[in-house]
Amino acid sequence: MGKQMTEMLKGVLEGVVLAVLALRPAHGYDITAWLRDEGFSDIAEGTVYALLVRIEKRGLVDVEKVPSEKGPPRKVYTLNAAGRSHLDDFWRTWEFLNGRLARLHDLDRNRKADA
């Protein structure tokens, strides 16, 4: 599933990161660690940071710099109202696609069973 999984994740990673931020404010490393703990092991830390820059520029998160015990201050990202609205749209789209894909998958399985 390697390459196919990576390609599919690219399309939904923004929604996934916004969903993580809906749970709690976090910095990039926290988000990457959470994703890896949840089985998204192929996501590179740099990919998450680049995505955070994009969603910050689009105004979907609020950012606060907090002191770090190790190195420079960390940016902590908090989902704001615009981000929440975007995430709600993501979930609506996801539910629509998931329903259609599940139906298509069932049709394919039934076709194979009948063959």
N, C-alpha and C. Protein backbone atom coordinates (compact mmCIF):
# COMPACT_ATOMS: atom_id res chain seq x y z
N MET A 1 0.82 -1.21 0.00
CA MET A 1 0.00 0.00 0.00
C MET A 1 0.85 1.26 0.00
N GLY A 2 2.12 1.20 0.10
CA GLY A 2 3.00 2.34 0.28
C GLY A 2 2.71 3.56 -0.56
N LYS A 3 2.96 3.50 -1.86
CA LYS A 3 2.81 4.67 -2.72
C LYS A 3 1.35 5.11 -2.81
N GLN A 4 0.45 4.16 -2.93
CA GLN A 4 -0.97 4.52 -3.02
C GLN A 4 -1.44 5.20 -1.73
N MET A 5 -1.01 4.68 -0.59
CA MET A 5 -1.38 5.29 0.69
C MET A 5 -0.85 6.71 0.78
N THR A 6 0.40 6.91 0.38
CA THR A 6 0.99 8.25 0.42
C THR A 6 0.21 9.22 -0.45
N GLU A 7 -0.14 8.79 -1.65
CA GLU A 7 -0.88 9.66 -2.56
C GLU A 7 -2.27 10.00 -2.01
N MET A 8 -2.94 9.02 -1.44
CA MET A 8 -4.28 9.28 -0.90
C MET A 8 -4.20 10.20 0.32
N LEU A 9 -3.19 10.00 1.15
CA LEU A 9 -3.03 10.85 2.33
C LEU A 9 -2.78 12.30 1.96
N LYS A 10 -2.06 12.54 0.87
CA LYS A 10 -1.81 13.92 0.44
C LYS A 10 -3.11 14.68 0.26
N GLY A 11 -4.12 14.00 -0.23
CA GLY A 11 -5.40 14.65 -0.49
C GLY A 11 -6.21 14.96 0.75
N VAL A 12 -5.94 14.25 1.84
CA VAL A 12 -6.76 14.44 3.04
C VAL A 12 -5.97 14.94 4.25
N LEU A 13 -4.66 15.10 4.09
CA LEU A 13 -3.82 15.43 5.24
C LEU A 13 -4.22 16.75 5.91
N GLU A 14 -4.62 17.73 5.12
CA GLU A 14 -5.03 19.00 5.72
C GLU A 14 -6.20 18.78 6.67
N GLY A 15 -7.19 18.04 6.24
CA GLY A 15 -8.33 17.74 7.09
C GLY A 15 -7.93 16.96 8.33
N VAL A 16 -7.00 16.02 8.16
CA VAL A 16 -6.53 15.22 9.29
C VAL A 16 -5.85 16.12 10.32
N VAL A 17 -4.99 17.02 9.87
CA VAL A 17 -4.29 17.93 10.79
C VAL A 17 -5.28 18.87 11.48
N LEU A 18 -6.24 19.39 10.73
CA LEU A 18 -7.26 20.24 11.36
C LEU A 18 -8.05 19.46 12.40
N ALA A 19 -8.33 18.19 12.12
CA ALA A 19 -9.05 17.36 13.08
C ALA A 19 -8.23 17.14 14.35
N VAL A 20 -6.92 16.96 14.20
CA VAL A 20 -6.05 16.84 15.38
C VAL A 20 -6.10 18.13 16.19
N LEU A 21 -6.05 19.28 15.50
CA LEU A 21 -6.08 20.56 16.20
C LEU A 21 -7.45 20.84 16.81
N ALA A 22 -8.50 20.20 16.31
CA ALA A 22 -9.82 20.34 16.93
C ALA A 22 -9.84 19.66 18.29
N LEU A 23 -8.96 18.68 18.48
CA LEU A 23 -8.87 17.98 19.77
C LEU A 23 -8.18 18.83 20.82
N ARG A 24 -7.12 19.54 20.37
CA ARG A 24 -6.35 20.38 21.30
C ARG A 24 -5.32 21.19 20.52
N PRO A 25 -4.92 22.34 21.05
CA PRO A 25 -3.81 23.08 20.43
C PRO A 25 -2.54 22.22 20.46
N ALA A 26 -1.70 22.39 19.47
CA ALA A 26 -0.48 21.58 19.40
C ALA A 26 0.56 22.26 18.53
N HIS A 27 1.81 21.86 18.72
CA HIS A 27 2.87 22.31 17.81
C HIS A 27 3.17 21.18 16.83
N GLY A 28 3.96 21.49 15.83
CA GLY A 28 4.19 20.56 14.73
C GLY A 28 4.67 19.19 15.16
N TYR A 29 5.62 19.15 16.09
CA TYR A 29 6.13 17.85 16.52
C TYR A 29 5.04 17.04 17.21
N ASP A 30 4.23 17.70 18.04
CA ASP A 30 3.11 17.00 18.71
C ASP A 30 2.16 16.38 17.69
N ILE A 31 1.86 17.15 16.66
CA ILE A 31 0.93 16.66 15.63
C ILE A 31 1.53 15.45 14.92
N THR A 32 2.80 15.55 14.54
CA THR A 32 3.47 14.44 13.86
C THR A 32 3.51 13.21 14.75
N ALA A 33 3.85 13.39 16.03
CA ALA A 33 3.90 12.26 16.96
C ALA A 33 2.53 11.62 17.13
N TRP A 34 1.49 12.44 17.24
CA TRP A 34 0.13 11.91 17.39
C TRP A 34 -0.25 11.09 16.16
N LEU A 35 0.04 11.63 14.98
CA LEU A 35 -0.27 10.93 13.74
C LEU A 35 0.45 9.59 13.67
N ARG A 36 1.70 9.57 14.05
CA ARG A 36 2.47 8.31 14.03
C ARG A 36 1.90 7.32 15.03
N ASP A 37 1.53 7.80 16.21
CA ASP A 37 0.92 6.93 17.22
C ASP A 37 -0.40 6.33 16.72
N GLU A 38 -1.08 7.05 15.85
CA GLU A 38 -2.36 6.59 15.31
C GLU A 38 -2.21 5.78 14.02
N GLY A 39 -0.97 5.47 13.66
CA GLY A 39 -0.74 4.60 12.51
C GLY A 39 -0.38 5.29 11.21
N PHE A 40 -0.27 6.61 11.22
CA PHE A 40 0.13 7.35 10.02
C PHE A 40 1.65 7.46 9.99
N SER A 41 2.31 6.32 9.96
CA SER A 41 3.77 6.30 10.13
C SER A 41 4.55 6.84 8.94
N ASP A 42 3.93 6.93 7.79
CA ASP A 42 4.65 7.39 6.59
C ASP A 42 4.67 8.90 6.43
N ILE A 43 4.05 9.63 7.33
CA ILE A 43 3.99 11.09 7.19
C ILE A 43 5.27 11.70 7.75
N ALA A 44 5.99 12.40 6.89
CA ALA A 44 7.24 13.05 7.31
C ALA A 44 6.94 14.32 8.09
N GLU A 45 7.79 14.59 9.07
CA GLU A 45 7.62 15.78 9.89
C GLU A 45 7.61 17.04 9.03
N GLY A 46 8.48 17.09 8.03
CA GLY A 46 8.53 18.25 7.15
C GLY A 46 7.24 18.49 6.40
N THR A 47 6.53 17.42 6.08
CA THR A 47 5.24 17.55 5.40
C THR A 47 4.24 18.24 6.31
N VAL A 48 4.24 17.87 7.58
CA VAL A 48 3.31 18.49 8.54
C VAL A 48 3.65 19.96 8.72
N TYR A 49 4.93 20.29 8.85
CA TYR A 49 5.32 21.69 9.03
C TYR A 49 4.94 22.54 7.82
N ALA A 50 5.15 22.02 6.63
CA ALA A 50 4.77 22.76 5.42
C ALA A 50 3.26 22.98 5.38
N LEU A 51 2.51 21.99 5.78
CA LEU A 51 1.05 22.11 5.82
C LEU A 51 0.62 23.15 6.85
N LEU A 52 1.28 23.17 8.00
CA LEU A 52 0.95 24.15 9.03
C LEU A 52 1.20 25.58 8.54
N VAL A 53 2.26 25.78 7.79
CA VAL A 53 2.53 27.10 7.21
C VAL A 53 1.38 27.50 6.28
N ARG A 54 0.94 26.57 5.45
CA ARG A 54 -0.16 26.87 4.51
C ARG A 54 -1.46 27.18 5.23
N ILE A 55 -1.81 26.40 6.25
CA ILE A 55 -3.09 26.67 6.92
C ILE A 55 -3.02 27.93 7.77
N GLU A 56 -1.81 28.26 8.24
CA GLU A 56 -1.64 29.54 8.95
C GLU A 56 -1.87 30.70 7.98
N LYS A 57 -1.25 30.63 6.80
CA LYS A 57 -1.41 31.69 5.80
C LYS A 57 -2.86 31.84 5.36
N ARG A 58 -3.61 30.76 5.36
CA ARG A 58 -5.01 30.80 4.95
C ARG A 58 -5.93 31.23 6.09
N GLY A 59 -5.37 31.47 7.28
CA GLY A 59 -6.16 31.97 8.39
C GLY A 59 -7.03 30.93 9.07
N LEU A 60 -6.65 29.64 8.99
CA LEU A 60 -7.45 28.58 9.58
C LEU A 60 -7.06 28.25 11.02
N VAL A 61 -5.94 28.81 11.45
CA VAL A 61 -5.44 28.56 12.81
C VAL A 61 -4.93 29.87 13.41
N ASP A 62 -4.93 29.91 14.72
CA ASP A 62 -4.25 30.97 15.45
C ASP A 62 -2.93 30.39 15.93
N VAL A 63 -1.91 31.22 15.98
CA VAL A 63 -0.57 30.75 16.33
C VAL A 63 -0.04 31.56 17.50
N GLU A 64 0.53 30.84 18.45
CA GLU A 64 1.17 31.48 19.60
C GLU A 64 2.56 30.88 19.77
N LYS A 65 3.54 31.74 19.94
CA LYS A 65 4.89 31.24 20.21
C LYS A 65 5.05 31.06 21.71
N VAL A 66 5.46 29.86 22.10
CA VAL A 66 5.66 29.57 23.52
C VAL A 66 7.11 29.14 23.74
N PRO A 67 7.67 29.49 24.89
CA PRO A 67 9.06 29.11 25.16
C PRO A 67 9.23 27.59 25.15
N SER A 68 10.41 27.18 24.73
CA SER A 68 10.75 25.76 24.70
C SER A 68 11.96 25.52 25.58
N GLU A 69 11.96 24.40 26.28
CA GLU A 69 13.13 24.06 27.10
C GLU A 69 14.33 23.74 26.22
N LYS A 70 14.05 23.31 25.00
CA LYS A 70 15.12 22.95 24.07
C LYS A 70 15.00 23.81 22.83
N GLY A 71 15.88 24.76 22.66
CA GLY A 71 15.91 25.55 21.45
C GLY A 71 14.96 26.73 21.43
N PRO A 72 14.64 27.18 20.21
CA PRO A 72 13.82 28.38 20.04
C PRO A 72 12.37 28.14 20.47
N PRO A 73 11.61 29.23 20.61
CA PRO A 73 10.19 29.07 20.96
C PRO A 73 9.46 28.21 19.92
N ARG A 74 8.44 27.52 20.39
CA ARG A 74 7.64 26.68 19.50
C ARG A 74 6.36 27.40 19.12
N LYS A 75 5.92 27.16 17.91
CA LYS A 75 4.63 27.69 17.48
C LYS A 75 3.55 26.69 17.88
N VAL A 76 2.59 27.15 18.66
CA VAL A 76 1.46 26.31 19.03
C VAL A 76 0.26 26.76 18.19
N TYR A 77 -0.34 25.83 17.51
CA TYR A 77 -1.45 26.10 16.59
C TYR A 77 -2.77 25.74 17.26
N THR A 78 -3.73 26.65 17.14
CA THR A 78 -5.07 26.45 17.68
C THR A 78 -6.07 26.64 16.55
N LEU A 79 -6.97 25.70 16.42
CA LEU A 79 -8.01 25.81 15.40
C LEU A 79 -8.91 27.00 15.74
N ASN A 80 -9.13 27.89 14.78
CA ASN A 80 -10.02 29.03 15.02
C ASN A 80 -11.36 28.79 14.31
N ALA A 81 -12.23 29.78 14.33
CA ALA A 81 -13.58 29.62 13.75
C ALA A 81 -13.51 29.30 12.25
N ALA A 82 -12.62 29.96 11.52
CA ALA A 82 -12.50 29.67 10.09
C ALA A 82 -12.00 28.24 9.87
N GLY A 83 -11.07 27.82 10.70
CA GLY A 83 -10.56 26.45 10.62
C GLY A 83 -11.63 25.43 10.96
N ARG A 84 -12.45 25.75 11.96
CA ARG A 84 -13.54 24.86 12.36
C ARG A 84 -14.54 24.70 11.21
N SER A 85 -14.86 25.81 10.56
CA SER A 85 -15.77 25.78 9.43
C SER A 85 -15.18 24.94 8.29
N HIS A 86 -13.90 25.13 8.03
CA HIS A 86 -13.22 24.37 6.99
C HIS A 86 -13.23 22.87 7.33
N LEU A 87 -12.99 22.56 8.60
CA LEU A 87 -13.01 21.16 9.04
C LEU A 87 -14.40 20.56 8.90
N ASP A 88 -15.42 21.33 9.25
CA ASP A 88 -16.80 20.85 9.07
C ASP A 88 -17.08 20.53 7.61
N ASP A 89 -16.61 21.40 6.70
CA ASP A 89 -16.76 21.14 5.26
C ASP A 89 -16.00 19.87 4.85
N PHE A 90 -14.81 19.70 5.41
CA PHE A 90 -14.01 18.50 5.13
C PHE A 90 -14.79 17.25 5.53
N TRP A 91 -15.37 17.26 6.75
CA TRP A 91 -16.10 16.07 7.21
C TRP A 91 -17.33 15.80 6.36
N ARG A 92 -18.03 16.84 5.92
CA ARG A 92 -19.19 16.65 5.04
C ARG A 92 -18.74 16.01 3.71
N THR A 93 -17.66 16.51 3.17
CA THR A 93 -17.13 15.95 1.93
C THR A 93 -16.68 14.51 2.14
N TRP A 94 -16.00 14.28 3.25
CA TRP A 94 -15.53 12.93 3.57
C TRP A 94 -16.70 11.95 3.66
N GLU A 95 -17.75 12.33 4.36
CA GLU A 95 -18.92 11.46 4.52
C GLU A 95 -19.57 11.18 3.16
N PHE A 96 -19.67 12.18 2.32
CA PHE A 96 -20.22 11.99 0.98
C PHE A 96 -19.38 10.99 0.19
N LEU A 97 -18.08 11.24 0.13
CA LEU A 97 -17.19 10.35 -0.63
C LEU A 97 -17.15 8.95 -0.03
N ASN A 98 -17.08 8.86 1.28
CA ASN A 98 -17.02 7.57 1.95
C ASN A 98 -18.26 6.73 1.62
N GLY A 99 -19.42 7.36 1.63
CA GLY A 99 -20.65 6.64 1.29
C GLY A 99 -20.64 6.13 -0.13
N ARG A 100 -20.20 6.97 -1.06
CA ARG A 100 -20.17 6.57 -2.47
C ARG A 100 -19.13 5.48 -2.71
N LEU A 101 -17.97 5.63 -2.08
CA LEU A 101 -16.92 4.63 -2.25
C LEU A 101 -17.31 3.29 -1.62
N ALA A 102 -17.96 3.33 -0.47
CA ALA A 102 -18.41 2.09 0.17
C ALA A 102 -19.42 1.37 -0.72
N ARG A 103 -20.32 2.13 -1.33
CA ARG A 103 -21.31 1.52 -2.23
C ARG A 103 -20.61 0.90 -3.44
N LEU A 104 -19.67 1.62 -4.01
CA LEU A 104 -18.94 1.10 -5.16
C LEU A 104 -18.16 -0.16 -4.78
N HIS A 105 -17.56 -0.14 -3.60
CA HIS A 105 -16.81 -1.30 -3.11
C HIS A 105 -17.73 -2.50 -2.95
N ASP A 106 -18.91 -2.29 -2.37
CA ASP A 106 -19.88 -3.38 -2.22
C ASP A 106 -20.29 -3.95 -3.58
N LEU A 107 -20.54 -3.07 -4.54
CA LEU A 107 -20.91 -3.53 -5.88
C LEU A 107 -19.80 -4.37 -6.50
N ASP A 108 -18.56 -3.94 -6.32
CA ASP A 108 -17.42 -4.68 -6.85
C ASP A 108 -17.28 -6.04 -6.18
N ARG A 109 -17.44 -6.07 -4.86
CA ARG A 109 -17.35 -7.34 -4.13
C ARG A 109 -18.44 -8.30 -4.58
N ASN A 110 -19.66 -7.79 -4.73
CA ASN A 110 -20.77 -8.64 -5.16
C ASN A 110 -20.55 -9.17 -6.58
N ARG A 111 -20.00 -8.33 -7.44
CA ARG A 111 -19.70 -8.75 -8.81
C ARG A 111 -18.68 -9.87 -8.80
N LYS A 112 -17.64 -9.73 -7.98
CA LYS A 112 -16.61 -10.77 -7.91
C LYS A 112 -17.18 -12.07 -7.33
N ALA A 113 -18.07 -11.94 -6.34
CA ALA A 113 -18.66 -13.13 -5.72
C ALA A 113 -19.56 -13.88 -6.71
N ASP A 114 -20.21 -13.14 -7.59
CA ASP A 114 -21.10 -13.75 -8.59
C ASP A 114 -20.34 -14.36 -9.76
N ALA A 115 -19.10 -13.95 -9.94
CA ALA A 115 -18.33 -14.40 -11.11
C ALA A 115 -17.83 -15.82 -10.95
